[in-house]
C-alpha cells in the first residue's frame, strides 16, 4: 500500500521559513512526479509546486522565488522549503504522488502577521 507521510508544518511569523517533508513508501519513487498542493479555508486545493523524476520543477506564480521543491530519491522523500512566508500562505499542505494518484494526510502551515 502506498503511503505518503508529511511533516514539518507549524506556526511561524511572517517572513519566516519552514521546510515540509513527505516520505513515500511503496512502489518505485525515483521516476514519480511528486507535488505539493495546499488548501486554505473556503478555497479550492491548488498546486503549489511539482517535481518530475528528472528533476524538472514547476511553481505557482505566488510562491515562485520563495519556495523550493526538491527530492532525495535515496530517502524516498520530497521537500518543500518555504521562505519569506506570508499570511496568505496559511493552508493545509498536501503531498501528492502522480503514479498512484495518492495524497498524504496534510500538514497545517499557519503564518501570523
C-alpha atoms as a PDB file:
ATOM      1  CA  UNK A   1       0.000   0.000   0.000  1.00  0.00           C
ATOM      2  CA  UNK A   2       1.336   3.413  -0.982  1.00  0.00           C
ATOM      3  CA  UNK A   3       1.725   5.821   1.883  1.00  0.00           C
ATOM      4  CA  UNK A   4       2.725   9.452   1.988  1.00  0.00           C
ATOM      5  CA  UNK A   5       3.598  10.906   5.368  1.00  0.00           C
ATOM      6  CA  UNK A   6       4.059  14.657   5.657  1.00  0.00           C
ATOM      7  CA  UNK A   7       5.815  16.527   8.427  1.00  0.00           C
ATOM      8  CA  UNK A   8       7.246  19.947   9.139  1.00  0.00           C
ATOM      9  CA  UNK A   9       4.206  22.166   9.354  1.00  0.00           C
ATOM     10  CA  UNK A  10       3.617  24.610  12.160  1.00  0.00           C
ATOM     11  CA  UNK A  11       3.123  28.198  13.200  1.00  0.00           C
ATOM     12  CA  UNK A  12       5.567  30.834  12.004  1.00  0.00           C
ATOM     13  CA  UNK A  13       5.661  34.600  11.812  1.00  0.00           C
ATOM     14  CA  UNK A  14       5.510  36.388   8.501  1.00  0.00           C
ATOM     15  CA  UNK A  15       8.942  36.449   6.892  1.00  0.00           C
ATOM     16  CA  UNK A  16       9.926  33.171   8.492  1.00  0.00           C
ATOM     17  CA  UNK A  17      10.727  29.789   6.985  1.00  0.00           C
ATOM     18  CA  UNK A  18       9.540  26.216   7.216  1.00  0.00           C
ATOM     19  CA  UNK A  19      10.543  23.018   5.493  1.00  0.00           C
ATOM     20  CA  UNK A  20       7.960  20.375   4.743  1.00  0.00           C
ATOM     21  CA  UNK A  21       8.900  16.747   4.174  1.00  0.00           C
ATOM     22  CA  UNK A  22       6.951  13.946   2.524  1.00  0.00           C
ATOM     23  CA  UNK A  23       8.181  10.394   2.944  1.00  0.00           C
ATOM     24  CA  UNK A  24       6.840   7.896   0.420  1.00  0.00           C
ATOM     25  CA  UNK A  25       6.603   4.142   0.674  1.00  0.00           C
ATOM     26  CA  UNK A  26       5.504   1.512  -1.765  1.00  0.00           C
ATOM     27  CA  UNK A  27       6.493   1.381  -5.412  1.00  0.00           C
ATOM     28  CA  UNK A  28       9.500   2.911  -7.129  1.00  0.00           C
ATOM     29  CA  UNK A  29       9.798   6.544  -6.186  1.00  0.00           C
ATOM     30  CA  UNK A  30      12.581   7.899  -8.345  1.00  0.00           C
ATOM     31  CA  UNK A  31      10.528   8.160 -11.535  1.00  0.00           C
ATOM     32  CA  UNK A  32       7.428   9.601  -9.940  1.00  0.00           C
ATOM     33  CA  UNK A  33       6.077  13.069 -10.421  1.00  0.00           C
ATOM     34  CA  UNK A  34       5.704  14.481  -6.904  1.00  0.00           C
ATOM     35  CA  UNK A  35       3.941  17.643  -5.912  1.00  0.00           C
ATOM     36  CA  UNK A  36       2.788  19.819  -3.057  1.00  0.00           C
ATOM     37  CA  UNK A  37      -0.716  21.214  -3.003  1.00  0.00           C
ATOM     38  CA  UNK A  38      -2.388  23.441  -0.459  1.00  0.00           C
ATOM     39  CA  UNK A  39      -5.917  24.235   0.586  1.00  0.00           C
ATOM     40  CA  UNK A  40      -6.879  27.302   2.560  1.00  0.00           C
ATOM     41  CA  UNK A  41     -10.241  27.567   4.367  1.00  0.00           C
ATOM     42  CA  UNK A  42     -13.043  28.204   1.912  1.00  0.00           C
ATOM     43  CA  UNK A  43     -10.783  27.809  -1.110  1.00  0.00           C
ATOM     44  CA  UNK A  44     -10.074  25.093  -3.616  1.00  0.00           C
ATOM     45  CA  UNK A  45      -6.983  22.954  -3.366  1.00  0.00           C
ATOM     46  CA  UNK A  46      -4.225  24.385  -5.559  1.00  0.00           C
ATOM     47  CA  UNK A  47      -0.934  23.137  -6.901  1.00  0.00           C
ATOM     48  CA  UNK A  48       1.990  24.844  -5.186  1.00  0.00           C
ATOM     49  CA  UNK A  49       4.987  23.088  -6.731  1.00  0.00           C
ATOM     50  CA  UNK A  50       5.864  19.901  -8.559  1.00  0.00           C
ATOM     51  CA  UNK A  51       8.987  17.969  -9.498  1.00  0.00           C
ATOM     52  CA  UNK A  52       9.382  15.264 -12.129  1.00  0.00           C
ATOM     53  CA  UNK A  53      11.555  12.194 -11.833  1.00  0.00           C
ATOM     54  CA  UNK A  54      14.122  14.008 -13.954  1.00  0.00           C
ATOM     55  CA  UNK A  55      14.174  16.986 -11.630  1.00  0.00           C
ATOM     56  CA  UNK A  56      12.150  19.452 -13.668  1.00  0.00           C
ATOM     57  CA  UNK A  57      10.229  21.767 -11.345  1.00  0.00           C
ATOM     58  CA  UNK A  58       7.202  24.000 -11.663  1.00  0.00           C
ATOM     59  CA  UNK A  59       5.671  26.527  -9.268  1.00  0.00           C
ATOM     60  CA  UNK A  60       2.530  28.535  -8.899  1.00  0.00           C
ATOM     61  CA  UNK A  61       3.322  32.194  -9.525  1.00  0.00           C
ATOM     62  CA  UNK A  62       2.534  33.259  -5.974  1.00  0.00           C
ATOM     63  CA  UNK A  63       5.381  31.187  -4.487  1.00  0.00           C
ATOM     64  CA  UNK A  64       7.990  31.309  -7.234  1.00  0.00           C
ATOM     65  CA  UNK A  65      11.241  32.667  -5.840  1.00  0.00           C
ATOM     66  CA  UNK A  66      10.205  31.944  -2.246  1.00  0.00           C
ATOM     67  CA  UNK A  67       9.554  28.193  -2.236  1.00  0.00           C
ATOM     68  CA  UNK A  68      11.806  25.405  -3.468  1.00  0.00           C
ATOM     69  CA  UNK A  69      10.744  21.837  -4.121  1.00  0.00           C
ATOM     70  CA  UNK A  70      13.395  19.129  -4.079  1.00  0.00           C
ATOM     71  CA  UNK A  71      13.669  15.382  -3.767  1.00  0.00           C
ATOM     72  CA  UNK A  72      16.022  12.820  -2.300  1.00  0.00           C
ATOM     73  CA  UNK A  73      15.414   9.580  -4.151  1.00  0.00           C
ATOM     74  CA  UNK A  74      17.658   7.625  -1.810  1.00  0.00           C
ATOM     75  CA  UNK A  75      15.325   8.532   1.032  1.00  0.00           C
ATOM     76  CA  UNK A  76      12.094   8.392  -0.995  1.00  0.00           C
ATOM     77  CA  UNK A  77      11.389  11.890   0.240  1.00  0.00           C
ATOM     78  CA  UNK A  78      10.291  15.138  -1.325  1.00  0.00           C
ATOM     79  CA  UNK A  79      10.743  18.504   0.389  1.00  0.00           C
ATOM     80  CA  UNK A  80       9.239  21.942   0.182  1.00  0.00           C
ATOM     81  CA  UNK A  81      11.467  24.704   1.521  1.00  0.00           C
ATOM     82  CA  UNK A  82       9.309  27.746   2.198  1.00  0.00           C
ATOM     83  CA  UNK A  83      10.995  31.083   2.770  1.00  0.00           C
ATOM     84  CA  UNK A  84       9.675  34.594   3.272  1.00  0.00           C
ATOM     85  CA  UNK A  85       6.339  33.189   4.314  1.00  0.00           C
ATOM     86  CA  UNK A  86       3.261  35.384   4.116  1.00  0.00           C
ATOM     87  CA  UNK A  87      -0.078  35.163   5.939  1.00  0.00           C
ATOM     88  CA  UNK A  88      -1.703  34.187   2.627  1.00  0.00           C
ATOM     89  CA  UNK A  89       0.442  31.025   2.608  1.00  0.00           C
ATOM     90  CA  UNK A  90      -1.619  29.743   5.534  1.00  0.00           C
ATOM     91  CA  UNK A  91      -3.207  26.450   4.489  1.00  0.00           C
ATOM     92  CA  UNK A  92      -3.122  22.719   4.868  1.00  0.00           C
ATOM     93  CA  UNK A  93      -0.338  21.418   2.653  1.00  0.00           C
ATOM     94  CA  UNK A  94      -0.691  18.050   0.970  1.00  0.00           C
ATOM     95  CA  UNK A  95       1.849  15.824  -0.707  1.00  0.00           C
ATOM     96  CA  UNK A  96       0.797  14.177  -3.964  1.00  0.00           C
ATOM     97  CA  UNK A  97       2.315  11.245  -5.855  1.00  0.00           C
ATOM     98  CA  UNK A  98       1.497  11.162  -9.523  1.00  0.00           C
ATOM     99  CA  UNK A  99       1.978   7.492 -10.404  1.00  0.00           C
ATOM    100  CA  UNK A 100      -0.596   6.322  -7.866  1.00  0.00           C
ATOM    101  CA  UNK A 101      -2.704   9.496  -7.537  1.00  0.00           C
ATOM    102  CA  UNK A 102      -2.102   9.291  -3.791  1.00  0.00           C
ATOM    103  CA  UNK A 103      -2.387  12.016  -1.196  1.00  0.00           C
ATOM    104  CA  UNK A 104      -0.844  12.472   2.198  1.00  0.00           C
ATOM    105  CA  UNK A 105      -2.856  13.346   5.260  1.00  0.00           C
ATOM    106  CA  UNK A 106      -1.889  17.010   5.145  1.00  0.00           C
ATOM    107  CA  UNK A 107       0.122  19.255   7.430  1.00  0.00           C
ATOM    108  CA  UNK A 108      -1.041  22.636   8.698  1.00  0.00           C
ATOM    109  CA  UNK A 109       1.028  25.729   7.974  1.00  0.00           C
ATOM    110  CA  UNK A 110      -0.040  28.911   9.734  1.00  0.00           C
ATOM    111  CA  UNK A 111       1.697  32.223   9.106  1.00  0.00           C
ATOM    112  CA  UNK A 112       0.924  35.022  11.535  1.00  0.00           C
ATOM    113  CA  UNK A 113       1.189  38.672  10.579  1.00  0.00           C
END
